Amino acid sequence: MIVCSCNIVSKRDIQDVILEFLHADEWQLITPGKVFQAMSARGKCCGCFPGVIDIIVETTQRYHAQMCSPEPKVVDLLNRIADQRLRMENAKKRAAAKRHSQLVA
């Protein structure tokens, strides 16, 4: 399934990069920008970033379940990812409001 049509990036491509990161350091915070950079791509419209964050969460949860990681550490990591998603959604809303106000003016 294509997740990013700007860069033609599939869900599998994203999952593979996430797993590489987790194998290197299972407690690092993985961001969409970090994933795209690893694929020599960049966020263009960034409309896919919320979906990429969902893939990061799913893949990270599955990885830690397979590794039998301590639950408190996993919950903390997932909370950090959720905070990142909230910041991204708020930034997207502010940018849309700014574009709208510029069009109205």
PDB file of N, CA and C in Angstrom:
ATOM      1  N   MET A   1       0.847  -1.176   0.000  1.00  0.00           N
ATOM      2  CA  MET A   1       0.000   0.000   0.000  1.00  0.00           C
ATOM      3  C   MET A   1       0.896   1.244   0.000  1.00  0.00           C
ATOM      4  N   ILE A   2       0.605   2.182  -0.885  1.00  0.00           N
ATOM      5  CA  ILE A   2       1.350   3.434  -0.956  1.00  0.00           C
ATOM      6  C   ILE A   2       0.850   4.360   0.151  1.00  0.00           C
ATOM      7  N   VAL A   3       1.773   4.822   0.990  1.00  0.00           N
ATOM      8  CA  VAL A   3       1.446   5.727   2.090  1.00  0.00           C
ATOM      9  C   VAL A   3       1.733   7.166   1.684  1.00  0.00           C
ATOM     10  N   CYS A   4       2.839   7.368   0.985  1.00  0.00           N
ATOM     11  CA  CYS A   4       3.237   8.707   0.543  1.00  0.00           C
ATOM     12  C   CYS A   4       3.264   8.736  -0.975  1.00  0.00           C
ATOM     13  N   SER A   5       2.297   9.422  -1.565  1.00  0.00           N
ATOM     14  CA  SER A   5       2.256   9.488  -3.026  1.00  0.00           C
ATOM     15  C   SER A   5       3.244  10.507  -3.583  1.00  0.00           C
ATOM     16  N   CYS A   6       3.710  11.445  -2.760  1.00  0.00           N
ATOM     17  CA  CYS A   6       4.714  12.419  -3.222  1.00  0.00           C
ATOM     18  C   CYS A   6       6.044  11.725  -3.524  1.00  0.00           C
ATOM     19  N   ASN A   7       6.413  10.763  -2.688  1.00  0.00           N
ATOM     20  CA  ASN A   7       7.691  10.060  -2.825  1.00  0.00           C
ATOM     21  C   ASN A   7       7.530   8.606  -3.266  1.00  0.00           C
ATOM     22  N   ILE A   8       6.297   8.161  -3.458  1.00  0.00           N
ATOM     23  CA  ILE A   8       5.986   6.766  -3.777  1.00  0.00           C
ATOM     24  C   ILE A   8       6.650   5.837  -2.748  1.00  0.00           C
ATOM     25  N   VAL A   9       6.208   5.966  -1.522  1.00  0.00           N
ATOM     26  CA  VAL A   9       6.730   5.165  -0.412  1.00  0.00           C
ATOM     27  C   VAL A   9       5.601   4.271   0.094  1.00  0.00           C
ATOM     28  N   SER A  10       5.915   2.998   0.235  1.00  0.00           N
ATOM     29  CA  SER A  10       4.910   2.038   0.690  1.00  0.00           C
ATOM     30  C   SER A  10       4.983   1.834   2.197  1.00  0.00           C
ATOM     31  N   LYS A  11       3.943   1.229   2.723  1.00  0.00           N
ATOM     32  CA  LYS A  11       3.903   0.894   4.144  1.00  0.00           C
ATOM     33  C   LYS A  11       5.048  -0.057   4.485  1.00  0.00           C
ATOM     34  N   ARG A  12       5.323  -1.001   3.611  1.00  0.00           N
ATOM     35  CA  ARG A  12       6.409  -1.966   3.843  1.00  0.00           C
ATOM     36  C   ARG A  12       7.763  -1.259   3.901  1.00  0.00           C
ATOM     37  N   ASP A  13       7.977  -0.274   3.004  1.00  0.00           N
ATOM     38  CA  ASP A  13       9.227   0.501   3.027  1.00  0.00           C
ATOM     39  C   ASP A  13       9.412   1.166   4.388  1.00  0.00           C
ATOM     40  N   ILE A  14       8.341   1.769   4.890  1.00  0.00           N
ATOM     41  CA  ILE A  14       8.377   2.477   6.166  1.00  0.00           C
ATOM     42  C   ILE A  14       8.640   1.490   7.312  1.00  0.00           C
ATOM     43  N   GLN A  15       7.941   0.363   7.294  1.00  0.00           N
ATOM     44  CA  GLN A  15       8.126  -0.644   8.340  1.00  0.00           C
ATOM     45  C   GLN A  15       9.564  -1.161   8.363  1.00  0.00           C
ATOM     46  N   ASP A  16      10.151  -1.371   7.186  1.00  0.00           N
ATOM     47  CA  ASP A  16      11.525  -1.869   7.119  1.00  0.00           C
ATOM     48  C   ASP A  16      12.501  -0.877   7.753  1.00  0.00           C
ATOM     49  N   VAL A  17      12.316   0.406   7.472  1.00  0.00           N
ATOM     50  CA  VAL A  17      13.199   1.432   8.047  1.00  0.00           C
ATOM     51  C   VAL A  17      13.022   1.485   9.563  1.00  0.00           C
ATOM     52  N   ILE A  18      11.788   1.430  10.021  1.00  0.00           N
ATOM     53  CA  ILE A  18      11.514   1.465  11.464  1.00  0.00           C
ATOM     54  C   ILE A  18      12.198   0.296  12.162  1.00  0.00           C
ATOM     55  N   LEU A  19      12.094  -0.886  11.580  1.00  0.00           N
ATOM     56  CA  LEU A  19      12.731  -2.062  12.182  1.00  0.00           C
ATOM     57  C   LEU A  19      14.250  -1.915  12.223  1.00  0.00           C
ATOM     58  N   GLU A  20      14.833  -1.320  11.193  1.00  0.00           N
ATOM     59  CA  GLU A  20      16.281  -1.065  11.209  1.00  0.00           C
ATOM     60  C   GLU A  20      16.640  -0.154  12.385  1.00  0.00           C
ATOM     61  N   PHE A  21      15.847   0.908  12.571  1.00  0.00           N
ATOM     62  CA  PHE A  21      16.087   1.813  13.693  1.00  0.00           C
ATOM     63  C   PHE A  21      15.951   1.082  15.033  1.00  0.00           C
ATOM     64  N   LEU A  22      14.912   0.266  15.162  1.00  0.00           N
ATOM     65  CA  LEU A  22      14.671  -0.436  16.419  1.00  0.00           C
ATOM     66  C   LEU A  22      15.768  -1.456  16.716  1.00  0.00           C
ATOM     67  N   HIS A  23      16.287  -2.088  15.685  1.00  0.00           N
ATOM     68  CA  HIS A  23      17.389  -3.034  15.893  1.00  0.00           C
ATOM     69  C   HIS A  23      18.642  -2.298  16.370  1.00  0.00           C
ATOM     70  N   ALA A  24      18.833  -1.064  15.914  1.00  0.00           N
ATOM     71  CA  ALA A  24      20.001  -0.273  16.321  1.00  0.00           C
ATOM     72  C   ALA A  24      19.847   0.248  17.749  1.00  0.00           C
ATOM     73  N   ASP A  25      18.637   0.715  18.093  1.00  0.00           N
ATOM     74  CA  ASP A  25      18.353   1.247  19.432  1.00  0.00           C
ATOM     75  C   ASP A  25      16.850   1.154  19.652  1.00  0.00           C
ATOM     76  N   GLU A  26      16.439   0.183  20.416  1.00  0.00           N
ATOM     77  CA  GLU A  26      14.998  -0.091  20.554  1.00  0.00           C
ATOM     78  C   GLU A  26      14.222   0.971  21.317  1.00  0.00           C
ATOM     79  N   TRP A  27      14.914   1.922  21.969  1.00  0.00           N
ATOM     80  CA  TRP A  27      14.226   2.941  22.748  1.00  0.00           C
ATOM     81  C   TRP A  27      14.314   4.328  22.132  1.00  0.00           C
ATOM     82  N   GLN A  28      14.828   4.436  20.934  1.00  0.00           N
ATOM     83  CA  GLN A  28      14.912   5.756  20.312  1.00  0.00           C
ATOM     84  C   GLN A  28      13.544   6.224  19.841  1.00  0.00           C
ATOM     85  N   LEU A  29      13.391   7.526  19.771  1.00  0.00           N
ATOM     86  CA  LEU A  29      12.156   8.108  19.269  1.00  0.00           C
ATOM     87  C   LEU A  29      12.282   8.236  17.760  1.00  0.00           C
ATOM     88  N   ILE A  30      11.433   7.533  17.052  1.00  0.00           N
ATOM     89  CA  ILE A  30      11.460   7.532  15.590  1.00  0.00           C
ATOM     90  C   ILE A  30      10.410   8.510  15.093  1.00  0.00           C
ATOM     91  N   THR A  31      10.827   9.415  14.237  1.00  0.00           N
ATOM     92  CA  THR A  31       9.924  10.434  13.696  1.00  0.00           C
ATOM     93  C   THR A  31       9.741  10.219  12.200  1.00  0.00           C
ATOM     94  N   PRO A  32       8.658  10.764  11.628  1.00  0.00           N
ATOM     95  CA  PRO A  32       8.490  10.658  10.179  1.00  0.00           C
ATOM     96  C   PRO A  32       9.683  11.255   9.418  1.00  0.00           C
ATOM     97  N   GLY A  33      10.199  12.380   9.894  1.00  0.00           N
ATOM     98  CA  GLY A  33      11.338  12.992   9.225  1.00  0.00           C
ATOM     99  C   GLY A  33      12.550  12.078   9.208  1.00  0.00           C
ATOM    100  N   LYS A  34      12.772  11.398  10.317  1.00  0.00           N
ATOM    101  CA  LYS A  34      13.891  10.463  10.426  1.00  0.00           C
ATOM    102  C   LYS A  34      13.702   9.286   9.469  1.00  0.00           C
ATOM    103  N   VAL A  35      12.474   8.799   9.359  1.00  0.00           N
ATOM    104  CA  VAL A  35      12.167   7.684   8.456  1.00  0.00           C
ATOM    105  C   VAL A  35      12.413   8.109   7.008  1.00  0.00           C
ATOM    106  N   PHE A  36      11.903   9.280   6.642  1.00  0.00           N
ATOM    107  CA  PHE A  36      12.057   9.740   5.264  1.00  0.00           C
ATOM    108  C   PHE A  36      13.518   9.997   4.935  1.00  0.00           C
ATOM    109  N   GLN A  37      14.260  10.568   5.882  1.00  0.00           N
ATOM    110  CA  GLN A  37      15.682  10.828   5.661  1.00  0.00           C
ATOM    111  C   GLN A  37      16.431   9.518   5.410  1.00  0.00           C
ATOM    112  N   ALA A  38      16.091   8.471   6.141  1.00  0.00           N
ATOM    113  CA  ALA A  38      16.735   7.168   5.960  1.00  0.00           C
ATOM    114  C   ALA A  38      16.445   6.591   4.575  1.00  0.00           C
ATOM    115  N   MET A  39      15.334   7.010   3.976  1.00  0.00           N
ATOM    116  CA  MET A  39      14.976   6.538   2.637  1.00  0.00           C
ATOM    117  C   MET A  39      15.440   7.515   1.555  1.00  0.00           C
ATOM    118  N   SER A  40      16.245   8.502   1.949  1.00  0.00           N
ATOM    119  CA  SER A  40      16.711   9.545   1.025  1.00  0.00           C
ATOM    120  C   SER A  40      15.535  10.259   0.363  1.00  0.00           C
ATOM    121  N   ALA A  41      14.513  10.484   1.162  1.00  0.00           N
ATOM    122  CA  ALA A  41      13.323  11.212   0.705  1.00  0.00           C
ATOM    123  C   ALA A  41      13.085  12.346   1.700  1.00  0.00           C
ATOM    124  N   ARG A  42      12.105  13.173   1.389  1.00  0.00           N
ATOM    125  CA  ARG A  42      11.739  14.227   2.333  1.00  0.00           C
ATOM    126  C   ARG A  42      10.240  14.441   2.267  1.00  0.00           C
ATOM    127  N   GLY A  43       9.709  14.949   3.372  1.00  0.00           N
ATOM    128  CA  GLY A  43       8.290  15.257   3.392  1.00  0.00           C
ATOM    129  C   GLY A  43       8.033  16.448   2.481  1.00  0.00           C
ATOM    130  N   LYS A  44       7.174  16.270   1.520  1.00  0.00           N
ATOM    131  CA  LYS A  44       6.869  17.371   0.603  1.00  0.00           C
ATOM    132  C   LYS A  44       5.597  18.078   1.080  1.00  0.00           C
ATOM    133  N   CYS A  45       4.473  17.409   0.971  1.00  0.00           N
ATOM    134  CA  CYS A  45       3.239  18.028   1.468  1.00  0.00           C
ATOM    135  C   CYS A  45       3.001  17.663   2.928  1.00  0.00           C
ATOM    136  N   CYS A  46       3.646  16.593   3.390  1.00  0.00           N
ATOM    137  CA  CYS A  46       3.574  16.086   4.772  1.00  0.00           C
ATOM    138  C   CYS A  46       2.178  15.596   5.167  1.00  0.00           C
ATOM    139  N   GLY A  47       1.304  15.444   4.212  1.00  0.00           N
ATOM    140  CA  GLY A  47      -0.032  14.934   4.495  1.00  0.00           C
ATOM    141  C   GLY A  47      -0.024  13.494   4.972  1.00  0.00           C
ATOM    142  N   CYS A  48       1.037  12.774   4.648  1.00  0.00           N
ATOM    143  CA  CYS A  48       1.137  11.364   5.040  1.00  0.00           C
ATOM    144  C   CYS A  48       1.693  11.188   6.452  1.00  0.00           C
ATOM    145  N   PHE A  49       2.254  12.243   7.045  1.00  0.00           N
ATOM    146  CA  PHE A  49       2.940  12.111   8.326  1.00  0.00           C
ATOM    147  C   PHE A  49       2.068  11.528   9.435  1.00  0.00           C
ATOM    148  N   PRO A  50       0.796  11.918   9.580  1.00  0.00           N
ATOM    149  CA  PRO A  50      -0.017  11.256  10.618  1.00  0.00           C
ATOM    150  C   PRO A  50      -0.128   9.745  10.397  1.00  0.00           C
ATOM    151  N   GLY A  51      -0.259   9.327   9.148  1.00  0.00           N
ATOM    152  CA  GLY A  51      -0.300   7.893   8.843  1.00  0.00           C
ATOM    153  C   GLY A  51       1.029   7.214   9.115  1.00  0.00           C
ATOM    154  N   VAL A  52       2.122   7.928   8.835  1.00  0.00           N
ATOM    155  CA  VAL A  52       3.452   7.388   9.117  1.00  0.00           C
ATOM    156  C   VAL A  52       3.619   7.199  10.624  1.00  0.00           C
ATOM    157  N   ILE A  53       3.130   8.144  11.395  1.00  0.00           N
ATOM    158  CA  ILE A  53       3.205   8.008  12.856  1.00  0.00           C
ATOM    159  C   ILE A  53       2.416   6.779  13.305  1.00  0.00           C
ATOM    160  N   ASP A  54       1.254   6.548  12.706  1.00  0.00           N
ATOM    161  CA  ASP A  54       0.482   5.346  13.042  1.00  0.00           C
ATOM    162  C   ASP A  54       1.283   4.079  12.744  1.00  0.00           C
ATOM    163  N   ILE A  55       1.999   4.070  11.615  1.00  0.00           N
ATOM    164  CA  ILE A  55       2.821   2.912  11.253  1.00  0.00           C
ATOM    165  C   ILE A  55       3.973   2.768  12.237  1.00  0.00           C
ATOM    166  N   ILE A  56       4.555   3.884  12.653  1.00  0.00           N
ATOM    167  CA  ILE A  56       5.630   3.849  13.653  1.00  0.00           C
ATOM    168  C   ILE A  56       5.102   3.212  14.942  1.00  0.00           C
ATOM    169  N   VAL A  57       3.929   3.635  15.388  1.00  0.00           N
ATOM    170  CA  VAL A  57       3.345   3.098  16.623  1.00  0.00           C
ATOM    171  C   VAL A  57       3.074   1.600  16.483  1.00  0.00           C
ATOM    172  N   GLU A  58       2.405   1.204  15.410  1.00  0.00           N
ATOM    173  CA  GLU A  58       2.069  -0.210  15.201  1.00  0.00           C
ATOM    174  C   GLU A  58       3.321  -1.078  15.154  1.00  0.00           C
ATOM    175  N   THR A  59       4.304  -0.637  14.377  1.00  0.00           N
ATOM    176  CA  THR A  59       5.527  -1.414  14.209  1.00  0.00           C
ATOM    177  C   THR A  59       6.310  -1.489  15.515  1.00  0.00           C
ATOM    178  N   THR A  60       6.365  -0.369  16.244  1.00  0.00           N
ATOM    179  CA  THR A  60       7.081  -0.331  17.515  1.00  0.00           C
ATOM    180  C   THR A  60       6.397  -1.229  18.550  1.00  0.00           C
ATOM    181  N   GLN A  61       5.072  -1.178  18.606  1.00  0.00           N
ATOM    182  CA  GLN A  61       4.344  -2.036  19.542  1.00  0.00           C
ATOM    183  C   GLN A  61       4.592  -3.511  19.228  1.00  0.00           C
ATOM    184  N   ARG A  62       4.497  -3.866  17.959  1.00  0.00           N
ATOM    185  CA  ARG A  62       4.706  -5.259  17.554  1.00  0.00           C
ATOM    186  C   ARG A  62       6.139  -5.706  17.884  1.00  0.00           C
ATOM    187  N   TYR A  63       7.099  -4.840  17.604  1.00  0.00           N
ATOM    188  CA  TYR A  63       8.504  -5.153  17.892  1.00  0.00           C
ATOM    189  C   TYR A  63       8.709  -5.415  19.381  1.00  0.00           C
ATOM    190  N   HIS A  64       8.216  -4.519  20.213  1.00  0.00           N
ATOM    191  CA  HIS A  64       8.424  -4.674  21.659  1.00  0.00           C
ATOM    192  C   HIS A  64       7.646  -5.853  22.229  1.00  0.00           C
ATOM    193  N   ALA A  65       6.513  -6.184  21.641  1.00  0.00           N
ATOM    194  CA  ALA A  65       5.774  -7.375  22.083  1.00  0.00           C
ATOM    195  C   ALA A  65       6.593  -8.632  21.780  1.00  0.00           C
ATOM    196  N   GLN A  66       7.208  -8.680  20.605  1.00  0.00           N
ATOM    197  CA  GLN A  66       8.032  -9.833  20.238  1.00  0.00           C
ATOM    198  C   GLN A  66       9.287  -9.924  21.102  1.00  0.00           C
ATOM    199  N   MET A  67       9.825  -8.789  21.516  1.00  0.00           N
ATOM    200  CA  MET A  67      11.044  -8.761  22.318  1.00  0.00           C
ATOM    201  C   MET A  67      10.755  -8.893  23.815  1.00  0.00           C
ATOM    202  N   CYS A  68       9.459  -8.956  24.181  1.00  0.00           N
ATOM    203  CA  CYS A  68       9.043  -9.032  25.594  1.00  0.00           C
ATOM    204  C   CYS A  68       9.653  -7.887  26.407  1.00  0.00           C
ATOM    205  N   SER A  69       9.598  -6.689  25.852  1.00  0.00           N
ATOM    206  CA  SER A  69      10.133  -5.499  26.525  1.00  0.00           C
ATOM    207  C   SER A  69       9.296  -5.155  27.747  1.00  0.00           C
ATOM    208  N   PRO A  70       9.909  -4.499  28.754  1.00  0.00           N
ATOM    209  CA  PRO A  70       9.155  -4.117  29.959  1.00  0.00           C
ATOM    210  C   PRO A  70       8.055  -3.116  29.627  1.00  0.00           C
ATOM    211  N   GLU A  71       6.854  -3.436  30.022  1.00  0.00           N
ATOM    212  CA  GLU A  71       5.665  -2.642  29.691  1.00  0.00           C
ATOM    213  C   GLU A  71       5.791  -1.151  30.036  1.00  0.00           C
ATOM    214  N   PRO A  72       6.281  -0.776  31.213  1.00  0.00           N
ATOM    215  CA  PRO A  72       6.361   0.664  31.522  1.00  0.00           C
ATOM    216  C   PRO A  72       7.211   1.451  30.523  1.00  0.00           C
ATOM    217  N   LYS A  73       8.295   0.847  30.066  1.00  0.00           N
ATOM    218  CA  LYS A  73       9.148   1.531  29.088  1.00  0.00           C
ATOM    219  C   LYS A  73       8.418   1.678  27.746  1.00  0.00           C
ATOM    220  N   VAL A  74       7.678   0.651  27.347  1.00  0.00           N
ATOM    221  CA  VAL A  74       6.941   0.690  26.083  1.00  0.00           C
ATOM    222  C   VAL A  74       5.862   1.762  26.145  1.00  0.00           C
ATOM    223  N   VAL A  75       5.131   1.822  27.245  1.00  0.00           N
ATOM    224  CA  VAL A  75       4.065   2.812  27.403  1.00  0.00           C
ATOM    225  C   VAL A  75       4.647   4.223  27.335  1.00  0.00           C
ATOM    226  N   ASP A  76       5.791   4.455  27.993  1.00  0.00           N
ATOM    227  CA  ASP A  76       6.440   5.762  27.952  1.00  0.00           C
ATOM    228  C   ASP A  76       6.827   6.136  26.528  1.00  0.00           C
ATOM    229  N   LEU A  77       7.403   5.199  25.794  1.00  0.00           N
ATOM    230  CA  LEU A  77       7.799   5.458  24.416  1.00  0.00           C
ATOM    231  C   LEU A  77       6.584   5.786  23.554  1.00  0.00           C
ATOM    232  N   LEU A  78       5.520   5.021  23.702  1.00  0.00           N
ATOM    233  CA  LEU A  78       4.315   5.262  22.907  1.00  0.00           C
ATOM    234  C   LEU A  78       3.667   6.594  23.269  1.00  0.00           C
ATOM    235  N   ASN A  79       3.741   6.987  24.540  1.00  0.00           N
ATOM    236  CA  ASN A  79       3.225   8.298  24.942  1.00  0.00           C
ATOM    237  C   ASN A  79       4.021   9.416  24.274  1.00  0.00           C
ATOM    238  N   ARG A  80       5.333   9.243  24.158  1.00  0.00           N
ATOM    239  CA  ARG A  80       6.161  10.243  23.484  1.00  0.00           C
ATOM    240  C   ARG A  80       5.774  10.351  22.008  1.00  0.00           C
ATOM    241  N   ILE A  81       5.477   9.218  21.378  1.00  0.00           N
ATOM    242  CA  ILE A  81       5.051   9.234  19.979  1.00  0.00           C
ATOM    243  C   ILE A  81       3.692   9.921  19.853  1.00  0.00           C
ATOM    244  N   ALA A  82       2.775   9.655  20.792  1.00  0.00           N
ATOM    245  CA  ALA A  82       1.454  10.295  20.767  1.00  0.00           C
ATOM    246  C   ALA A  82       1.583  11.810  20.915  1.00  0.00           C
ATOM    247  N   ASP A  83       2.488  12.249  21.789  1.00  0.00           N
ATOM    248  CA  ASP A  83       2.730  13.692  21.942  1.00  0.00           C
ATOM    249  C   ASP A  83       3.229  14.291  20.640  1.00  0.00           C
ATOM    250  N   GLN A  84       4.092  13.566  19.955  1.00  0.00           N
ATOM    251  CA  GLN A  84       4.608  14.034  18.670  1.00  0.00           C
ATOM    252  C   GLN A  84       3.476  14.190  17.657  1.00  0.00           C
ATOM    253  N   ARG A  85       2.568  13.215  17.622  1.00  0.00           N
ATOM    254  CA  ARG A  85       1.454  13.283  16.682  1.00  0.00           C
ATOM    255  C   ARG A  85       0.577  14.505  16.978  1.00  0.00           C
ATOM    256  N   LEU A  86       0.309  14.764  18.252  1.00  0.00           N
ATOM    257  CA  LEU A  86      -0.497  15.909  18.640  1.00  0.00           C
ATOM    258  C   LEU A  86       0.170  17.218  18.208  1.00  0.00           C
ATOM    259  N   ARG A  87       1.479  17.324  18.424  1.00  0.00           N
ATOM    260  CA  ARG A  87       2.206  18.524  17.989  1.00  0.00           C
ATOM    261  C   ARG A  87       2.107  18.705  16.482  1.00  0.00           C
ATOM    262  N   MET A  88       2.217  17.605  15.740  1.00  0.00           N
ATOM    263  CA  MET A  88       2.158  17.674  14.288  1.00  0.00           C
ATOM    264  C   MET A  88       0.766  18.107  13.819  1.00  0.00           C
ATOM    265  N   GLU A  89      -0.268  17.542  14.413  1.00  0.00           N
ATOM    266  CA  GLU A  89      -1.634  17.906  14.034  1.00  0.00           C
ATOM    267  C   GLU A  89      -1.916  19.374  14.342  1.00  0.00           C
ATOM    268  N   ASN A  90      -1.438  19.864  15.490  1.00  0.00           N
ATOM    269  CA  ASN A  90      -1.627  21.269  15.843  1.00  0.00           C
ATOM    270  C   ASN A  90      -0.884  22.186  14.880  1.00  0.00           C
ATOM    271  N   ALA A  91       0.323  21.807  14.491  1.00  0.00           N
ATOM    272  CA  ALA A  91       1.093  22.611  13.533  1.00  0.00           C
ATOM    273  C   ALA A  91       0.385  22.651  12.182  1.00  0.00           C
ATOM    274  N   LYS A  92      -0.182  21.532  11.783  1.00  0.00           N
ATOM    275  CA  LYS A  92      -0.917  21.464  10.511  1.00  0.00           C
ATOM    276  C   LYS A  92      -2.154  22.372  10.561  1.00  0.00           C
ATOM    277  N   LYS A  93      -2.863  22.369  11.682  1.00  0.00           N
ATOM    278  CA  LYS A  93      -4.045  23.227  11.834  1.00  0.00           C
ATOM    279  C   LYS A  93      -3.655  24.703  11.798  1.00  0.00           C
ATOM    280  N   ARG A  94      -2.543  25.052  12.492  1.00  0.00           N
ATOM    281  CA  ARG A  94      -2.091  26.448  12.486  1.00  0.00           C
ATOM    282  C   ARG A  94      -1.697  26.893  11.086  1.00  0.00           C
ATOM    283  N   ALA A  95      -1.017  26.017  10.351  1.00  0.00           N
ATOM    284  CA  ALA A  95      -0.610  26.355   8.981  1.00  0.00           C
ATOM    285  C   ALA A  95      -1.831  26.547   8.086  1.00  0.00           C
ATOM    286  N   ALA A  96      -2.834  25.702   8.245  1.00  0.00           N
ATOM    287  CA  ALA A  96      -4.054  25.827   7.445  1.00  0.00           C
ATOM    288  C   ALA A  96      -4.794  27.122   7.789  1.00  0.00           C
ATOM    289  N   ALA A  97      -4.847  27.448   9.076  1.00  0.00           N
ATOM    290  CA  ALA A  97      -5.513  28.685   9.494  1.00  0.00           C
ATOM    291  C   ALA A  97      -4.767  29.896   8.952  1.00  0.00           C
ATOM    292  N   LYS A  98      -3.451  29.834   8.940  1.00  0.00           N
ATOM    293  CA  LYS A  98      -2.650  30.947   8.422  1.00  0.00           C
ATOM    294  C   LYS A  98      -2.883  31.112   6.922  1.00  0.00           C
ATOM    295  N   ARG A  99      -2.911  29.998   6.192  1.00  0.00           N
ATOM    296  CA  ARG A  99      -3.189  30.082   4.737  1.00  0.00           C
ATOM    297  C   ARG A  99      -4.563  30.663   4.486  1.00  0.00           C
ATOM    298  N   HIS A 100      -5.532  30.207   5.297  1.00  0.00           N
ATOM    299  CA  HIS A 100      -6.906  30.692   5.131  1.00  0.00           C
ATOM    300  C   HIS A 100      -6.986  32.192   5.404  1.00  0.00           C
ATOM    301  N   SER A 101      -6.323  32.660   6.463  1.00  0.00           N
ATOM    302  CA  SER A 101      -6.379  34.091   6.805  1.00  0.00           C
ATOM    303  C   SER A 101      -5.685  34.928   5.736  1.00  0.00           C
ATOM    304  N   GLN A 102      -4.659  34.391   5.097  1.00  0.00           N
ATOM    305  CA  GLN A 102      -3.965  35.114   4.030  1.00  0.00           C
ATOM    306  C   GLN A 102      -4.854  35.201   2.784  1.00  0.00           C
ATOM    307  N   LEU A 103      -5.635  34.166   2.541  1.00  0.00           N
ATOM    308  CA  LEU A 103      -6.546  34.181   1.389  1.00  0.00           C
ATOM    309  C   LEU A 103      -7.691  35.165   1.595  1.00  0.00           C
ATOM    310  N   VAL A 104      -8.171  35.253   2.832  1.00  0.00           N
ATOM    311  CA  VAL A 104      -9.288  36.134   3.164  1.00  0.00           C
ATOM    312  C   VAL A 104      -8.857  37.603   3.111  1.00  0.00           C
ATOM    313  N   ALA A 105      -7.635  37.866   3.523  1.00  0.00           N
ATOM    314  CA  ALA A 105      -7.123  39.248   3.601  1.00  0.00           C
ATOM    315  C   ALA A 105      -6.865  39.847   2.271  1.00  0.00           C
TER     316      ALA A 105
END
